[in-house]
């Protein structure tokens, strides 16, 4: 088992290095000059002052150095926990900006991913055994999983927000409120959180329900299920074994779909102007904020890799064949 996780950690380390390198390169290949944008926002008319400001910012952000030196400096600062200063919200540190947005994104992604996976698997398992439920879950699941996140978000915002007036369609809380610890503010947060959550939950729910329904049918028609049925085993016991075997590919699918789910969450945040990493990345792109983009991408990469590693651990715990394979390899 030690060799297995050691190999996994090595793979994740290489993935992290490549992903962070690519994330560092992406902003620098974007068109436009971030320093020029900062100088333009300052509305300075004197040419000598403009040149002085340009030289100062280029030196401050290290843009006057070669790309190779900037890359080396980036890794050196990263190992010290320094993500630099935000160009858009200068001189606020990037870490402070990201820490203000991360709680909103985590509060959106974690419940939607976990609840859609659990509820979708349960619905899919029931649909495989009940014809009436199968005739409703299957078509509804296909419709939901085929919907783009942004399209469903717009549909929910229009129907339940603009027309129905049940939920707000923008922001993480009411514009008339200041963040503070009180039940009034918490309820207001939940009120603004509901529509973005439903957008992510419903799209993911359809995919998990269809996948589990198909896997249960496959397992119930497999040789071991027929053998148990021939021995007179209760159907409840056979279904239990079928569910345990069918859930393993769903765990693998969860690891494979994490990137898609995170991307969907970022787009959904933009639709609802939700103050998470999605809105942060959009503003960073608009303002050519290299350092904020790097920091946001870094957090997303770390989050996805850590979640995948946790899923690897869960898979080893729930799948005895993996543990038996490890024991055989060690022997």
C-alpha atoms as a PDB file:
ATOM      1  CA  UNK A   1       0.000   0.000   0.000  1.00  0.00           C
ATOM      2  CA  UNK A   2       2.915   2.323   0.727  1.00  0.00           C
ATOM      3  CA  UNK A   3       4.267   1.794  -2.793  1.00  0.00           C
ATOM      4  CA  UNK A   4       0.809   2.380  -4.285  1.00  0.00           C
ATOM      5  CA  UNK A   5       0.301   5.743  -2.574  1.00  0.00           C
ATOM      6  CA  UNK A   6       3.931   6.691  -3.162  1.00  0.00           C
ATOM      7  CA  UNK A   7       3.418   6.168  -6.877  1.00  0.00           C
ATOM      8  CA  UNK A   8       0.177   8.151  -6.734  1.00  0.00           C
ATOM      9  CA  UNK A   9       1.881  11.034  -4.943  1.00  0.00           C
ATOM     10  CA  UNK A  10       4.630  11.077  -7.574  1.00  0.00           C
ATOM     11  CA  UNK A  11       2.034  11.234 -10.364  1.00  0.00           C
ATOM     12  CA  UNK A  12       0.142  14.013  -8.595  1.00  0.00           C
ATOM     13  CA  UNK A  13       3.396  15.914  -8.026  1.00  0.00           C
ATOM     14  CA  UNK A  14       4.272  15.784 -11.731  1.00  0.00           C
ATOM     15  CA  UNK A  15       0.714  16.762 -12.646  1.00  0.00           C
ATOM     16  CA  UNK A  16       0.905  19.717 -10.271  1.00  0.00           C
ATOM     17  CA  UNK A  17       4.209  20.883 -11.760  1.00  0.00           C
ATOM     18  CA  UNK A  18       2.941  20.695 -15.354  1.00  0.00           C
ATOM     19  CA  UNK A  19      -0.430  22.275 -14.537  1.00  0.00           C
ATOM     20  CA  UNK A  20       1.095  25.178 -12.607  1.00  0.00           C
ATOM     21  CA  UNK A  21       3.619  25.773 -15.390  1.00  0.00           C
ATOM     22  CA  UNK A  22       0.836  25.901 -17.982  1.00  0.00           C
ATOM     23  CA  UNK A  23      -1.193  28.198 -15.720  1.00  0.00           C
ATOM     24  CA  UNK A  24       1.818  30.513 -15.458  1.00  0.00           C
ATOM     25  CA  UNK A  25       2.182  30.589 -19.243  1.00  0.00           C
ATOM     26  CA  UNK A  26      -1.482  31.227 -20.121  1.00  0.00           C
ATOM     27  CA  UNK A  27      -1.726  34.838 -18.833  1.00  0.00           C
ATOM     28  CA  UNK A  28       1.565  35.791 -20.489  1.00  0.00           C
ATOM     29  CA  UNK A  29       0.300  34.726 -23.904  1.00  0.00           C
ATOM     30  CA  UNK A  30      -2.850  36.788 -23.511  1.00  0.00           C
ATOM     31  CA  UNK A  31      -3.045  39.921 -25.675  1.00  0.00           C
ATOM     32  CA  UNK A  32      -2.644  43.273 -23.939  1.00  0.00           C
ATOM     33  CA  UNK A  33      -0.334  44.939 -21.453  1.00  0.00           C
ATOM     34  CA  UNK A  34      -1.413  44.877 -17.773  1.00  0.00           C
ATOM     35  CA  UNK A  35       0.880  47.780 -16.877  1.00  0.00           C
ATOM     36  CA  UNK A  36      -0.617  49.875 -19.665  1.00  0.00           C
ATOM     37  CA  UNK A  37      -4.080  49.149 -18.233  1.00  0.00           C
ATOM     38  CA  UNK A  38      -2.986  50.285 -14.773  1.00  0.00           C
ATOM     39  CA  UNK A  39      -1.489  53.492 -16.150  1.00  0.00           C
ATOM     40  CA  UNK A  40      -4.632  54.152 -18.193  1.00  0.00           C
ATOM     41  CA  UNK A  41      -6.807  53.787 -15.088  1.00  0.00           C
ATOM     42  CA  UNK A  42      -4.662  56.400 -13.328  1.00  0.00           C
ATOM     43  CA  UNK A  43      -5.661  59.056 -15.921  1.00  0.00           C
ATOM     44  CA  UNK A  44      -2.213  60.662 -15.937  1.00  0.00           C
ATOM     45  CA  UNK A  45      -1.760  63.228 -18.728  1.00  0.00           C
ATOM     46  CA  UNK A  46       1.945  64.105 -18.429  1.00  0.00           C
ATOM     47  CA  UNK A  47       4.082  61.825 -20.656  1.00  0.00           C
ATOM     48  CA  UNK A  48       7.046  61.850 -18.259  1.00  0.00           C
ATOM     49  CA  UNK A  49       4.782  60.761 -15.390  1.00  0.00           C
ATOM     50  CA  UNK A  50       3.330  57.991 -17.546  1.00  0.00           C
ATOM     51  CA  UNK A  51       6.806  56.673 -18.358  1.00  0.00           C
ATOM     52  CA  UNK A  52       7.845  56.862 -14.706  1.00  0.00           C
ATOM     53  CA  UNK A  53       4.742  54.912 -13.638  1.00  0.00           C
ATOM     54  CA  UNK A  54       5.301  52.333 -16.372  1.00  0.00           C
ATOM     55  CA  UNK A  55       8.920  51.799 -15.302  1.00  0.00           C
ATOM     56  CA  UNK A  56       7.912  51.553 -11.642  1.00  0.00           C
ATOM     57  CA  UNK A  57       5.184  48.939 -12.235  1.00  0.00           C
ATOM     58  CA  UNK A  58       7.332  46.902 -14.632  1.00  0.00           C
ATOM     59  CA  UNK A  59      10.056  46.753 -11.993  1.00  0.00           C
ATOM     60  CA  UNK A  60       7.590  46.029  -9.187  1.00  0.00           C
ATOM     61  CA  UNK A  61       5.946  43.103 -10.994  1.00  0.00           C
ATOM     62  CA  UNK A  62       9.175  41.870 -12.566  1.00  0.00           C
ATOM     63  CA  UNK A  63       8.011  42.412 -16.150  1.00  0.00           C
ATOM     64  CA  UNK A  64      11.334  44.052 -17.025  1.00  0.00           C
ATOM     65  CA  UNK A  65      13.080  40.679 -16.629  1.00  0.00           C
ATOM     66  CA  UNK A  66      13.270  37.833 -19.125  1.00  0.00           C
ATOM     67  CA  UNK A  67      10.468  35.240 -19.184  1.00  0.00           C
ATOM     68  CA  UNK A  68      12.833  32.570 -17.868  1.00  0.00           C
ATOM     69  CA  UNK A  69      13.795  34.731 -14.901  1.00  0.00           C
ATOM     70  CA  UNK A  70      10.140  35.533 -14.247  1.00  0.00           C
ATOM     71  CA  UNK A  71       9.377  31.794 -14.229  1.00  0.00           C
ATOM     72  CA  UNK A  72      12.164  31.056 -11.760  1.00  0.00           C
ATOM     73  CA  UNK A  73      11.058  33.950  -9.540  1.00  0.00           C
ATOM     74  CA  UNK A  74       7.497  32.642  -9.687  1.00  0.00           C
ATOM     75  CA  UNK A  75       8.459  29.249  -8.251  1.00  0.00           C
ATOM     76  CA  UNK A  76      10.666  30.877  -5.635  1.00  0.00           C
ATOM     77  CA  UNK A  77       7.830  33.104  -4.479  1.00  0.00           C
ATOM     78  CA  UNK A  78       5.366  30.212  -4.617  1.00  0.00           C
ATOM     79  CA  UNK A  79       7.418  28.095  -2.214  1.00  0.00           C
ATOM     80  CA  UNK A  80       7.397  31.062   0.166  1.00  0.00           C
ATOM     81  CA  UNK A  81       3.608  31.386  -0.062  1.00  0.00           C
ATOM     82  CA  UNK A  82       3.828  34.689  -1.938  1.00  0.00           C
ATOM     83  CA  UNK A  83       1.337  34.969  -4.816  1.00  0.00           C
ATOM     84  CA  UNK A  84       2.193  38.574  -5.560  1.00  0.00           C
ATOM     85  CA  UNK A  85       0.058  41.719  -5.696  1.00  0.00           C
ATOM     86  CA  UNK A  86      -3.190  41.976  -7.589  1.00  0.00           C
ATOM     87  CA  UNK A  87      -3.010  44.269 -10.628  1.00  0.00           C
ATOM     88  CA  UNK A  88      -6.778  44.746 -10.630  1.00  0.00           C
ATOM     89  CA  UNK A  89      -7.060  45.529  -6.895  1.00  0.00           C
ATOM     90  CA  UNK A  90      -3.567  46.973  -6.452  1.00  0.00           C
ATOM     91  CA  UNK A  91      -1.939  46.887  -3.919  1.00  0.00           C
ATOM     92  CA  UNK A  92      -4.015  44.111  -2.309  1.00  0.00           C
ATOM     93  CA  UNK A  93      -2.125  40.782  -2.065  1.00  0.00           C
ATOM     94  CA  UNK A  94      -3.504  38.047  -4.310  1.00  0.00           C
ATOM     95  CA  UNK A  95      -3.794  35.675  -1.349  1.00  0.00           C
ATOM     96  CA  UNK A  96      -6.179  38.051   0.429  1.00  0.00           C
ATOM     97  CA  UNK A  97      -8.348  38.420  -2.688  1.00  0.00           C
ATOM     98  CA  UNK A  98      -8.541  34.657  -3.229  1.00  0.00           C
ATOM     99  CA  UNK A  99      -9.267  33.886   0.427  1.00  0.00           C
ATOM    100  CA  UNK A 100     -12.262  36.211   0.207  1.00  0.00           C
ATOM    101  CA  UNK A 101     -13.696  34.246  -2.745  1.00  0.00           C
ATOM    102  CA  UNK A 102     -12.761  30.658  -1.815  1.00  0.00           C
ATOM    103  CA  UNK A 103     -15.473  30.138   0.870  1.00  0.00           C
ATOM    104  CA  UNK A 104     -18.213  30.970  -1.648  1.00  0.00           C
ATOM    105  CA  UNK A 105     -16.847  28.553  -4.239  1.00  0.00           C
ATOM    106  CA  UNK A 106     -16.341  25.729  -1.728  1.00  0.00           C
ATOM    107  CA  UNK A 107     -19.829  26.268  -0.283  1.00  0.00           C
ATOM    108  CA  UNK A 108     -21.182  25.868  -3.805  1.00  0.00           C
ATOM    109  CA  UNK A 109     -19.074  22.990  -5.150  1.00  0.00           C
ATOM    110  CA  UNK A 110     -18.829  20.605  -2.179  1.00  0.00           C
ATOM    111  CA  UNK A 111     -22.573  20.262  -1.404  1.00  0.00           C
ATOM    112  CA  UNK A 112     -23.605  20.157  -5.084  1.00  0.00           C
ATOM    113  CA  UNK A 113     -21.017  17.497  -5.998  1.00  0.00           C
ATOM    114  CA  UNK A 114     -21.589  15.239  -2.988  1.00  0.00           C
ATOM    115  CA  UNK A 115     -25.386  15.532  -2.856  1.00  0.00           C
ATOM    116  CA  UNK A 116     -25.814  15.046  -6.614  1.00  0.00           C
ATOM    117  CA  UNK A 117     -23.600  11.950  -6.444  1.00  0.00           C
ATOM    118  CA  UNK A 118     -25.438  10.405  -3.477  1.00  0.00           C
ATOM    119  CA  UNK A 119     -28.970  11.277  -4.599  1.00  0.00           C
ATOM    120  CA  UNK A 120     -28.248  10.414  -8.244  1.00  0.00           C
ATOM    121  CA  UNK A 121     -26.915   6.985  -7.338  1.00  0.00           C
ATOM    122  CA  UNK A 122     -29.931   6.255  -5.135  1.00  0.00           C
ATOM    123  CA  UNK A 123     -32.408   7.340  -7.799  1.00  0.00           C
ATOM    124  CA  UNK A 124     -30.565   5.346 -10.451  1.00  0.00           C
ATOM    125  CA  UNK A 125     -30.562   2.227  -8.277  1.00  0.00           C
ATOM    126  CA  UNK A 126     -34.301   2.527  -7.617  1.00  0.00           C
ATOM    127  CA  UNK A 127     -35.022   3.221 -11.299  1.00  0.00           C
ATOM    128  CA  UNK A 128     -33.281  -0.004 -12.332  1.00  0.00           C
ATOM    129  CA  UNK A 129     -35.768  -2.017 -10.260  1.00  0.00           C
ATOM    130  CA  UNK A 130     -39.030  -0.104 -10.797  1.00  0.00           C
ATOM    131  CA  UNK A 131     -40.430   0.321 -14.292  1.00  0.00           C
ATOM    132  CA  UNK A 132     -42.552   3.377 -13.453  1.00  0.00           C
ATOM    133  CA  UNK A 133     -39.574   5.197 -11.940  1.00  0.00           C
ATOM    134  CA  UNK A 134     -37.333   4.057 -14.791  1.00  0.00           C
ATOM    135  CA  UNK A 135     -39.715   5.558 -17.354  1.00  0.00           C
ATOM    136  CA  UNK A 136     -39.446   8.932 -15.608  1.00  0.00           C
ATOM    137  CA  UNK A 137     -35.876   9.021 -14.278  1.00  0.00           C
ATOM    138  CA  UNK A 138     -34.237   7.961 -17.541  1.00  0.00           C
ATOM    139  CA  UNK A 139     -35.683  10.674 -19.836  1.00  0.00           C
ATOM    140  CA  UNK A 140     -35.419  13.358 -17.164  1.00  0.00           C
ATOM    141  CA  UNK A 141     -31.827  12.310 -16.480  1.00  0.00           C
ATOM    142  CA  UNK A 142     -30.932  12.528 -20.164  1.00  0.00           C
ATOM    143  CA  UNK A 143     -32.445  16.005 -20.395  1.00  0.00           C
ATOM    144  CA  UNK A 144     -30.646  17.255 -17.284  1.00  0.00           C
ATOM    145  CA  UNK A 145     -27.232  15.831 -18.111  1.00  0.00           C
ATOM    146  CA  UNK A 146     -27.431  17.232 -21.667  1.00  0.00           C
ATOM    147  CA  UNK A 147     -28.026  20.771 -20.391  1.00  0.00           C
ATOM    148  CA  UNK A 148     -25.033  23.124 -20.268  1.00  0.00           C
ATOM    149  CA  UNK A 149     -24.507  24.552 -16.796  1.00  0.00           C
ATOM    150  CA  UNK A 150     -24.859  28.134 -17.984  1.00  0.00           C
ATOM    151  CA  UNK A 151     -28.093  27.419 -19.880  1.00  0.00           C
ATOM    152  CA  UNK A 152     -29.786  25.825 -16.874  1.00  0.00           C
ATOM    153  CA  UNK A 153     -28.496  28.664 -14.693  1.00  0.00           C
ATOM    154  CA  UNK A 154     -30.069  31.230 -17.027  1.00  0.00           C
ATOM    155  CA  UNK A 155     -33.316  29.232 -17.131  1.00  0.00           C
ATOM    156  CA  UNK A 156     -33.528  29.043 -13.327  1.00  0.00           C
ATOM    157  CA  UNK A 157     -32.631  32.727 -12.955  1.00  0.00           C
ATOM    158  CA  UNK A 158     -35.366  33.686 -15.428  1.00  0.00           C
ATOM    159  CA  UNK A 159     -38.094  31.372 -14.084  1.00  0.00           C
ATOM    160  CA  UNK A 160     -37.510  31.447 -10.315  1.00  0.00           C
ATOM    161  CA  UNK A 161     -35.809  34.840 -10.101  1.00  0.00           C
ATOM    162  CA  UNK A 162     -37.064  37.294 -12.711  1.00  0.00           C
ATOM    163  CA  UNK A 163     -40.562  35.847 -13.305  1.00  0.00           C
ATOM    164  CA  UNK A 164     -41.269  34.078 -10.028  1.00  0.00           C
ATOM    165  CA  UNK A 165     -39.375  36.447  -7.756  1.00  0.00           C
ATOM    166  CA  UNK A 166     -38.676  33.571  -5.365  1.00  0.00           C
ATOM    167  CA  UNK A 167     -34.886  33.839  -5.321  1.00  0.00           C
ATOM    168  CA  UNK A 168     -32.401  36.641  -6.059  1.00  0.00           C
ATOM    169  CA  UNK A 169     -30.493  36.348  -9.342  1.00  0.00           C
ATOM    170  CA  UNK A 170     -27.224  38.125  -8.506  1.00  0.00           C
ATOM    171  CA  UNK A 171     -24.673  38.405  -5.727  1.00  0.00           C
ATOM    172  CA  UNK A 172     -23.707  36.296  -2.760  1.00  0.00           C
ATOM    173  CA  UNK A 173     -25.844  38.355  -0.374  1.00  0.00           C
ATOM    174  CA  UNK A 174     -28.079  41.417  -0.492  1.00  0.00           C
ATOM    175  CA  UNK A 175     -26.355  44.604  -1.579  1.00  0.00           C
ATOM    176  CA  UNK A 176     -27.884  46.407   1.406  1.00  0.00           C
ATOM    177  CA  UNK A 177     -26.116  44.087   3.890  1.00  0.00           C
ATOM    178  CA  UNK A 178     -22.563  43.885   5.188  1.00  0.00           C
ATOM    179  CA  UNK A 179     -20.987  40.487   5.940  1.00  0.00           C
ATOM    180  CA  UNK A 180     -21.369  39.705   9.643  1.00  0.00           C
ATOM    181  CA  UNK A 181     -22.220  36.738  11.838  1.00  0.00           C
ATOM    182  CA  UNK A 182     -25.962  36.711  12.391  1.00  0.00           C
ATOM    183  CA  UNK A 183     -28.866  34.449  11.464  1.00  0.00           C
ATOM    184  CA  UNK A 184     -30.274  37.172   9.238  1.00  0.00           C
ATOM    185  CA  UNK A 185     -27.093  37.280   7.175  1.00  0.00           C
ATOM    186  CA  UNK A 186     -26.773  33.462   7.075  1.00  0.00           C
ATOM    187  CA  UNK A 187     -30.350  33.113   5.781  1.00  0.00           C
ATOM    188  CA  UNK A 188     -29.645  35.787   3.200  1.00  0.00           C
ATOM    189  CA  UNK A 189     -26.533  33.863   2.103  1.00  0.00           C
ATOM    190  CA  UNK A 190     -28.589  30.681   1.713  1.00  0.00           C
ATOM    191  CA  UNK A 191     -31.228  32.594  -0.239  1.00  0.00           C
ATOM    192  CA  UNK A 192     -28.624  33.767  -2.771  1.00  0.00           C
ATOM    193  CA  UNK A 193     -26.888  30.367  -2.747  1.00  0.00           C
ATOM    194  CA  UNK A 194     -29.951  28.329  -3.744  1.00  0.00           C
ATOM    195  CA  UNK A 195     -30.133  29.024  -7.498  1.00  0.00           C
ATOM    196  CA  UNK A 196     -26.399  28.494  -8.211  1.00  0.00           C
ATOM    197  CA  UNK A 197     -26.555  25.293  -6.160  1.00  0.00           C
ATOM    198  CA  UNK A 198     -29.599  23.994  -8.039  1.00  0.00           C
ATOM    199  CA  UNK A 199     -27.919  24.696 -11.387  1.00  0.00           C
ATOM    200  CA  UNK A 200     -24.942  22.490 -10.495  1.00  0.00           C
ATOM    201  CA  UNK A 201     -26.935  19.892  -8.574  1.00  0.00           C
ATOM    202  CA  UNK A 202     -29.542  19.183 -11.258  1.00  0.00           C
ATOM    203  CA  UNK A 203     -27.102  18.833 -14.182  1.00  0.00           C
ATOM    204  CA  UNK A 204     -24.835  16.465 -12.242  1.00  0.00           C
ATOM    205  CA  UNK A 205     -27.805  14.550 -10.794  1.00  0.00           C
ATOM    206  CA  UNK A 206     -28.971  13.367 -14.215  1.00  0.00           C
ATOM    207  CA  UNK A 207     -25.592  11.920 -15.164  1.00  0.00           C
ATOM    208  CA  UNK A 208     -25.134  10.001 -11.922  1.00  0.00           C
ATOM    209  CA  UNK A 209     -28.691   8.605 -12.043  1.00  0.00           C
ATOM    210  CA  UNK A 210     -28.257   7.320 -15.613  1.00  0.00           C
ATOM    211  CA  UNK A 211     -24.857   5.810 -14.842  1.00  0.00           C
ATOM    212  CA  UNK A 212     -26.051   3.978 -11.731  1.00  0.00           C
ATOM    213  CA  UNK A 213     -29.223   2.753 -13.436  1.00  0.00           C
ATOM    214  CA  UNK A 214     -27.219   1.191 -16.260  1.00  0.00           C
ATOM    215  CA  UNK A 215     -24.641  -0.321 -13.883  1.00  0.00           C
ATOM    216  CA  UNK A 216     -27.323  -1.883 -11.655  1.00  0.00           C
ATOM    217  CA  UNK A 217     -29.014  -3.505 -14.656  1.00  0.00           C
ATOM    218  CA  UNK A 218     -25.644  -4.872 -15.791  1.00  0.00           C
ATOM    219  CA  UNK A 219     -24.827  -6.253 -12.341  1.00  0.00           C
ATOM    220  CA  UNK A 220     -28.271  -7.855 -11.875  1.00  0.00           C
ATOM    221  CA  UNK A 221     -27.804  -9.723 -15.167  1.00  0.00           C
ATOM    222  CA  UNK A 222     -24.260 -10.869 -14.372  1.00  0.00           C
ATOM    223  CA  UNK A 223     -23.277 -14.468 -13.595  1.00  0.00           C
ATOM    224  CA  UNK A 224     -22.921 -14.056  -9.829  1.00  0.00           C
ATOM    225  CA  UNK A 225     -26.428 -12.540  -9.575  1.00  0.00           C
ATOM    226  CA  UNK A 226     -27.933 -15.419 -11.564  1.00  0.00           C
ATOM    227  CA  UNK A 227     -25.997 -17.911  -9.446  1.00  0.00           C
ATOM    228  CA  UNK A 228     -27.227 -16.368  -6.199  1.00  0.00           C
ATOM    229  CA  UNK A 229     -30.770 -16.322  -7.552  1.00  0.00           C
ATOM    230  CA  UNK A 230     -30.498 -20.006  -8.480  1.00  0.00           C
ATOM    231  CA  UNK A 231     -29.348 -20.792  -4.947  1.00  0.00           C
ATOM    232  CA  UNK A 232     -32.469 -19.122  -3.620  1.00  0.00           C
ATOM    233  CA  UNK A 233     -30.779 -16.044  -2.170  1.00  0.00           C
ATOM    234  CA  UNK A 234     -33.186 -13.214  -1.271  1.00  0.00           C
ATOM    235  CA  UNK A 235     -33.538 -10.575  -3.992  1.00  0.00           C
ATOM    236  CA  UNK A 236     -32.706  -7.911  -1.415  1.00  0.00           C
ATOM    237  CA  UNK A 237     -29.302  -9.529  -0.812  1.00  0.00           C
ATOM    238  CA  UNK A 238     -28.630  -9.767  -4.565  1.00  0.00           C
ATOM    239  CA  UNK A 239     -29.514  -6.093  -5.037  1.00  0.00           C
ATOM    240  CA  UNK A 240     -27.221  -5.166  -2.182  1.00  0.00           C
ATOM    241  CA  UNK A 241     -24.268  -6.931  -3.819  1.00  0.00           C
ATOM    242  CA  UNK A 242     -25.189  -5.398  -7.163  1.00  0.00           C
ATOM    243  CA  UNK A 243     -25.221  -1.899  -5.656  1.00  0.00           C
ATOM    244  CA  UNK A 244     -21.845  -2.385  -3.975  1.00  0.00           C
ATOM    245  CA  UNK A 245     -20.273  -3.454  -7.269  1.00  0.00           C
ATOM    246  CA  UNK A 246     -22.076  -0.792  -9.305  1.00  0.00           C
ATOM    247  CA  UNK A 247     -20.946   2.058  -7.056  1.00  0.00           C
ATOM    248  CA  UNK A 248     -17.252   1.423  -7.776  1.00  0.00           C
ATOM    249  CA  UNK A 249     -17.335   2.789 -11.354  1.00  0.00           C
ATOM    250  CA  UNK A 250     -19.336   5.737 -10.022  1.00  0.00           C
ATOM    251  CA  UNK A 251     -16.488   6.557  -7.628  1.00  0.00           C
ATOM    252  CA  UNK A 252     -14.075   6.453 -10.551  1.00  0.00           C
ATOM    253  CA  UNK A 253     -16.466   8.634 -12.548  1.00  0.00           C
ATOM    254  CA  UNK A 254     -16.543  11.161  -9.724  1.00  0.00           C
ATOM    255  CA  UNK A 255     -12.769  11.517  -9.911  1.00  0.00           C
ATOM    256  CA  UNK A 256     -12.887  11.894 -13.699  1.00  0.00           C
ATOM    257  CA  UNK A 257     -15.714  14.435 -13.607  1.00  0.00           C
ATOM    258  CA  UNK A 258     -14.289  16.720 -10.918  1.00  0.00           C
ATOM    259  CA  UNK A 259     -12.634  19.023 -13.439  1.00  0.00           C
ATOM    260  CA  UNK A 260     -15.855  19.347 -15.441  1.00  0.00           C
ATOM    261  CA  UNK A 261     -17.859  20.019 -12.277  1.00  0.00           C
ATOM    262  CA  UNK A 262     -15.433  22.707 -11.120  1.00  0.00           C
ATOM    263  CA  UNK A 263     -15.526  24.354 -14.557  1.00  0.00           C
ATOM    264  CA  UNK A 264     -19.322  24.276 -14.444  1.00  0.00           C
ATOM    265  CA  UNK A 265     -19.284  25.894 -11.021  1.00  0.00           C
ATOM    266  CA  UNK A 266     -17.040  28.712 -12.260  1.00  0.00           C
ATOM    267  CA  UNK A 267     -19.352  29.422 -15.212  1.00  0.00           C
ATOM    268  CA  UNK A 268     -22.410  29.291 -12.953  1.00  0.00           C
ATOM    269  CA  UNK A 269     -20.827  31.827 -10.616  1.00  0.00           C
ATOM    270  CA  UNK A 270     -20.359  34.198 -13.547  1.00  0.00           C
ATOM    271  CA  UNK A 271     -24.026  33.836 -14.583  1.00  0.00           C
ATOM    272  CA  UNK A 272     -25.260  34.699 -11.088  1.00  0.00           C
ATOM    273  CA  UNK A 273     -22.473  37.229 -10.336  1.00  0.00           C
ATOM    274  CA  UNK A 274     -21.694  34.998  -7.358  1.00  0.00           C
ATOM    275  CA  UNK A 275     -18.575  36.262  -5.554  1.00  0.00           C
ATOM    276  CA  UNK A 276     -16.499  33.087  -5.945  1.00  0.00           C
ATOM    277  CA  UNK A 277     -13.466  32.149  -7.975  1.00  0.00           C
ATOM    278  CA  UNK A 278     -15.440  32.200 -11.244  1.00  0.00           C
ATOM    279  CA  UNK A 279     -16.262  35.895 -10.942  1.00  0.00           C
ATOM    280  CA  UNK A 280     -12.719  36.519  -9.734  1.00  0.00           C
ATOM    281  CA  UNK A 281     -11.207  34.867 -12.816  1.00  0.00           C
ATOM    282  CA  UNK A 282     -13.505  36.855 -15.110  1.00  0.00           C
ATOM    283  CA  UNK A 283     -12.444  40.152 -13.527  1.00  0.00           C
ATOM    284  CA  UNK A 284      -8.800  39.082 -13.635  1.00  0.00           C
ATOM    285  CA  UNK A 285      -9.086  38.406 -17.380  1.00  0.00           C
ATOM    286  CA  UNK A 286     -10.819  41.730 -17.992  1.00  0.00           C
ATOM    287  CA  UNK A 287      -8.098  43.606 -16.118  1.00  0.00           C
ATOM    288  CA  UNK A 288      -5.193  41.447 -17.360  1.00  0.00           C
ATOM    289  CA  UNK A 289      -4.303  40.543 -13.790  1.00  0.00           C
ATOM    290  CA  UNK A 290      -1.625  37.885 -14.322  1.00  0.00           C
ATOM    291  CA  UNK A 291      -1.029  37.230 -10.646  1.00  0.00           C
ATOM    292  CA  UNK A 292      -4.691  36.869  -9.703  1.00  0.00           C
ATOM    293  CA  UNK A 293      -5.199  34.440 -12.596  1.00  0.00           C
ATOM    294  CA  UNK A 294      -2.168  32.407 -11.498  1.00  0.00           C
ATOM    295  CA  UNK A 295      -3.374  32.279  -7.895  1.00  0.00           C
ATOM    296  CA  UNK A 296      -6.940  31.318  -8.838  1.00  0.00           C
ATOM    297  CA  UNK A 297      -5.776  28.582 -11.218  1.00  0.00           C
ATOM    298  CA  UNK A 298      -3.333  27.319  -8.595  1.00  0.00           C
ATOM    299  CA  UNK A 299      -6.083  26.924  -6.020  1.00  0.00           C
ATOM    300  CA  UNK A 300      -8.316  25.113  -8.526  1.00  0.00           C
ATOM    301  CA  UNK A 301      -5.495  22.728  -9.498  1.00  0.00           C
ATOM    302  CA  UNK A 302      -4.684  22.015  -5.856  1.00  0.00           C
ATOM    303  CA  UNK A 303      -8.335  21.458  -5.001  1.00  0.00           C
ATOM    304  CA  UNK A 304      -8.924  19.014  -7.859  1.00  0.00           C
ATOM    305  CA  UNK A 305      -5.711  17.068  -7.137  1.00  0.00           C
ATOM    306  CA  UNK A 306      -6.435  16.808  -3.413  1.00  0.00           C
ATOM    307  CA  UNK A 307     -10.019  15.693  -4.111  1.00  0.00           C
ATOM    308  CA  UNK A 308      -8.779  13.050  -6.554  1.00  0.00           C
ATOM    309  CA  UNK A 309      -6.277  11.770  -3.999  1.00  0.00           C
ATOM    310  CA  UNK A 310      -9.043  11.487  -1.395  1.00  0.00           C
ATOM    311  CA  UNK A 311     -11.154   9.548  -3.917  1.00  0.00           C
ATOM    312  CA  UNK A 312      -8.191   7.206  -4.514  1.00  0.00           C
ATOM    313  CA  UNK A 313      -8.071   6.524  -0.780  1.00  0.00           C
ATOM    314  CA  UNK A 314     -11.829   5.922  -0.653  1.00  0.00           C
ATOM    315  CA  UNK A 315     -11.584   3.528  -3.600  1.00  0.00           C
ATOM    316  CA  UNK A 316      -8.944   1.458  -1.799  1.00  0.00           C
ATOM    317  CA  UNK A 317     -11.152   1.329   1.298  1.00  0.00           C
ATOM    318  CA  UNK A 318     -14.350   0.247  -0.483  1.00  0.00           C
ATOM    319  CA  UNK A 319     -12.854  -2.098  -3.117  1.00  0.00           C
ATOM    320  CA  UNK A 320     -11.376  -5.288  -1.619  1.00  0.00           C
ATOM    321  CA  UNK A 321      -9.900  -6.267  -5.004  1.00  0.00           C
ATOM    322  CA  UNK A 322      -7.577  -3.257  -4.900  1.00  0.00           C
ATOM    323  CA  UNK A 323      -6.383  -4.192  -1.421  1.00  0.00           C
ATOM    324  CA  UNK A 324      -5.905  -7.816  -2.505  1.00  0.00           C
ATOM    325  CA  UNK A 325      -3.879  -6.658  -5.500  1.00  0.00           C
ATOM    326  CA  UNK A 326      -1.653  -4.563  -3.229  1.00  0.00           C
ATOM    327  CA  UNK A 327      -1.145  -7.509  -0.896  1.00  0.00           C
ATOM    328  CA  UNK A 328      -0.245  -9.739  -3.835  1.00  0.00           C
ATOM    329  CA  UNK A 329       2.226  -7.188  -5.198  1.00  0.00           C
ATOM    330  CA  UNK A 330       3.925  -6.888  -1.812  1.00  0.00           C
ATOM    331  CA  UNK A 331       4.145 -10.657  -1.484  1.00  0.00           C
END
